[in-house]
Amino acid sequence: MSKEKNQVIGIDLEDLKDLIQVAVRNEMETCLQDCRFGTEYKDEVWNRNQVATFLQTTPEKISDSFIKKEIPGRKVGREYKFLKSQIVGMFKKK
């Protein structure tokens, strides 16, 4: 059996805090960039036609659902904009 030697490394408390902050920030950035974090899809901005195609319905029904607040989105000028992750997320909620 080999004997392991333990080493003691001295580190300043402020340096340790900085190292931990950097590690946590890097891990969070990795999670947020990972398309599996929270949803299978990365966020894309969809228009009414794209949502209608995805949901297999008409653009007019998408507009009606948006007005009735049944579907999340925003109206920008005369156009409707939707986040793909929110549309897909509607089916994950109970």
C-alpha atoms as a PDB file:
ATOM      1  CA  MET A   1       0.000   0.000   0.000  1.00  0.00           C
ATOM      2  CA  SER A   2       1.257   3.407  -0.823  1.00  0.00           C
ATOM      3  CA  LYS A   3       0.934   6.173   1.663  1.00  0.00           C
ATOM      4  CA  GLU A   4      -0.687   9.337   0.429  1.00  0.00           C
ATOM      5  CA  LYS A   5       0.695  12.608   1.614  1.00  0.00           C
ATOM      6  CA  ASN A   6      -1.701  15.389   2.384  1.00  0.00           C
ATOM      7  CA  GLN A   7      -0.664  18.851   1.401  1.00  0.00           C
ATOM      8  CA  VAL A   8      -1.863  21.973   3.059  1.00  0.00           C
ATOM      9  CA  ILE A   9      -2.239  24.918   0.754  1.00  0.00           C
ATOM     10  CA  GLY A  10      -2.681  28.378   2.157  1.00  0.00           C
ATOM     11  CA  ILE A  11      -5.095  30.700   0.393  1.00  0.00           C
ATOM     12  CA  ASP A  12      -6.383  34.082   1.352  1.00  0.00           C
ATOM     13  CA  LEU A  13     -10.114  34.192   2.156  1.00  0.00           C
ATOM     14  CA  GLU A  14     -10.732  36.937  -0.416  1.00  0.00           C
ATOM     15  CA  ASP A  15      -8.919  34.902  -3.088  1.00  0.00           C
ATOM     16  CA  LEU A  16     -11.057  31.888  -2.214  1.00  0.00           C
ATOM     17  CA  LYS A  17     -14.232  33.976  -2.530  1.00  0.00           C
ATOM     18  CA  ASP A  18     -13.079  35.241  -5.936  1.00  0.00           C
ATOM     19  CA  LEU A  19     -12.315  31.709  -7.144  1.00  0.00           C
ATOM     20  CA  ILE A  20     -15.720  30.474  -6.018  1.00  0.00           C
ATOM     21  CA  GLN A  21     -17.472  33.424  -7.693  1.00  0.00           C
ATOM     22  CA  VAL A  22     -15.705  32.753 -10.974  1.00  0.00           C
ATOM     23  CA  ALA A  23     -16.500  29.024 -10.796  1.00  0.00           C
ATOM     24  CA  VAL A  24     -20.184  29.653 -10.070  1.00  0.00           C
ATOM     25  CA  ARG A  25     -20.445  32.285 -12.814  1.00  0.00           C
ATOM     26  CA  ASN A  26     -18.833  29.929 -15.345  1.00  0.00           C
ATOM     27  CA  GLU A  27     -21.135  27.084 -14.347  1.00  0.00           C
ATOM     28  CA  MET A  28     -24.233  29.297 -14.658  1.00  0.00           C
ATOM     29  CA  GLU A  29     -23.149  30.561 -18.084  1.00  0.00           C
ATOM     30  CA  THR A  30     -22.632  26.974 -19.219  1.00  0.00           C
ATOM     31  CA  CYS A  31     -26.093  25.983 -17.955  1.00  0.00           C
ATOM     32  CA  LEU A  32     -27.788  28.947 -19.612  1.00  0.00           C
ATOM     33  CA  GLN A  33     -26.081  28.232 -22.940  1.00  0.00           C
ATOM     34  CA  ASP A  34     -26.928  24.540 -22.763  1.00  0.00           C
ATOM     35  CA  CYS A  35     -30.100  23.951 -24.785  1.00  0.00           C
ATOM     36  CA  ARG A  36     -31.229  21.286 -22.297  1.00  0.00           C
ATOM     37  CA  PHE A  37     -31.413  23.788 -19.419  1.00  0.00           C
ATOM     38  CA  GLY A  38     -35.112  24.250 -18.656  1.00  0.00           C
ATOM     39  CA  THR A  39     -36.295  23.267 -22.093  1.00  0.00           C
ATOM     40  CA  GLU A  40     -35.277  21.198 -25.076  1.00  0.00           C
ATOM     41  CA  TYR A  41     -35.203  24.252 -27.281  1.00  0.00           C
ATOM     42  CA  LYS A  42     -33.041  27.326 -27.441  1.00  0.00           C
ATOM     43  CA  ASP A  43     -35.041  30.511 -27.555  1.00  0.00           C
ATOM     44  CA  GLU A  44     -36.069  31.629 -30.981  1.00  0.00           C
ATOM     45  CA  VAL A  45     -38.460  34.425 -31.814  1.00  0.00           C
ATOM     46  CA  TRP A  46     -41.378  33.080 -33.819  1.00  0.00           C
ATOM     47  CA  ASN A  47     -44.018  34.927 -35.775  1.00  0.00           C
ATOM     48  CA  ARG A  48     -47.689  34.029 -35.946  1.00  0.00           C
ATOM     49  CA  ASN A  49     -47.258  31.722 -38.941  1.00  0.00           C
ATOM     50  CA  GLN A  50     -44.469  29.739 -37.298  1.00  0.00           C
ATOM     51  CA  VAL A  51     -46.533  29.223 -34.133  1.00  0.00           C
ATOM     52  CA  ALA A  52     -49.561  28.228 -36.220  1.00  0.00           C
ATOM     53  CA  THR A  53     -47.492  25.688 -38.143  1.00  0.00           C
ATOM     54  CA  PHE A  54     -46.037  24.266 -34.939  1.00  0.00           C
ATOM     55  CA  LEU A  55     -49.468  24.006 -33.287  1.00  0.00           C
ATOM     56  CA  GLN A  56     -51.125  22.853 -36.516  1.00  0.00           C
ATOM     57  CA  THR A  57     -53.686  25.636 -36.558  1.00  0.00           C
ATOM     58  CA  THR A  58     -54.260  28.918 -38.381  1.00  0.00           C
ATOM     59  CA  PRO A  59     -52.542  32.264 -37.822  1.00  0.00           C
ATOM     60  CA  GLU A  60     -55.962  33.780 -37.092  1.00  0.00           C
ATOM     61  CA  LYS A  61     -56.515  31.343 -34.222  1.00  0.00           C
ATOM     62  CA  ILE A  62     -53.078  32.231 -32.855  1.00  0.00           C
ATOM     63  CA  SER A  63     -54.076  35.918 -32.868  1.00  0.00           C
ATOM     64  CA  ASP A  64     -57.337  35.109 -31.088  1.00  0.00           C
ATOM     65  CA  SER A  65     -55.523  32.991 -28.490  1.00  0.00           C
ATOM     66  CA  PHE A  66     -53.025  35.797 -27.909  1.00  0.00           C
ATOM     67  CA  ILE A  67     -55.800  38.368 -27.429  1.00  0.00           C
ATOM     68  CA  LYS A  68     -57.552  36.016 -24.960  1.00  0.00           C
ATOM     69  CA  LYS A  69     -54.200  35.618 -23.134  1.00  0.00           C
ATOM     70  CA  GLU A  70     -54.231  31.880 -23.782  1.00  0.00           C
ATOM     71  CA  ILE A  71     -50.847  32.038 -25.458  1.00  0.00           C
ATOM     72  CA  PRO A  72     -47.805  34.054 -24.327  1.00  0.00           C
ATOM     73  CA  GLY A  73     -46.337  36.601 -26.693  1.00  0.00           C
ATOM     74  CA  ARG A  74     -45.956  40.266 -27.562  1.00  0.00           C
ATOM     75  CA  LYS A  75     -47.403  42.520 -30.175  1.00  0.00           C
ATOM     76  CA  VAL A  76     -44.704  44.618 -31.816  1.00  0.00           C
ATOM     77  CA  GLY A  77     -46.294  47.155 -34.109  1.00  0.00           C
ATOM     78  CA  ARG A  78     -48.663  45.139 -36.272  1.00  0.00           C
ATOM     79  CA  GLU A  79     -46.839  41.855 -35.753  1.00  0.00           C
ATOM     80  CA  TYR A  80     -47.111  39.203 -33.078  1.00  0.00           C
ATOM     81  CA  LYS A  81     -43.891  37.761 -31.638  1.00  0.00           C
ATOM     82  CA  PHE A  82     -43.578  34.588 -29.591  1.00  0.00           C
ATOM     83  CA  LEU A  83     -40.716  32.792 -27.866  1.00  0.00           C
ATOM     84  CA  LYS A  84     -40.408  29.201 -28.976  1.00  0.00           C
ATOM     85  CA  SER A  85     -39.521  28.073 -25.439  1.00  0.00           C
ATOM     86  CA  GLN A  86     -42.712  29.637 -24.039  1.00  0.00           C
ATOM     87  CA  ILE A  87     -44.891  27.989 -26.678  1.00  0.00           C
ATOM     88  CA  VAL A  88     -43.338  24.602 -25.978  1.00  0.00           C
ATOM     89  CA  GLY A  89     -43.471  25.335 -22.223  1.00  0.00           C
ATOM     90  CA  MET A  90     -47.256  25.699 -22.365  1.00  0.00           C
ATOM     91  CA  PHE A  91     -47.450  21.930 -22.733  1.00  0.00           C
ATOM     92  CA  LYS A  92     -45.128  21.248 -19.809  1.00  0.00           C
ATOM     93  CA  LYS A  93     -47.220  23.154 -17.263  1.00  0.00           C
ATOM     94  CA  LYS A  94     -50.010  21.464 -15.383  1.00  0.00           C
END
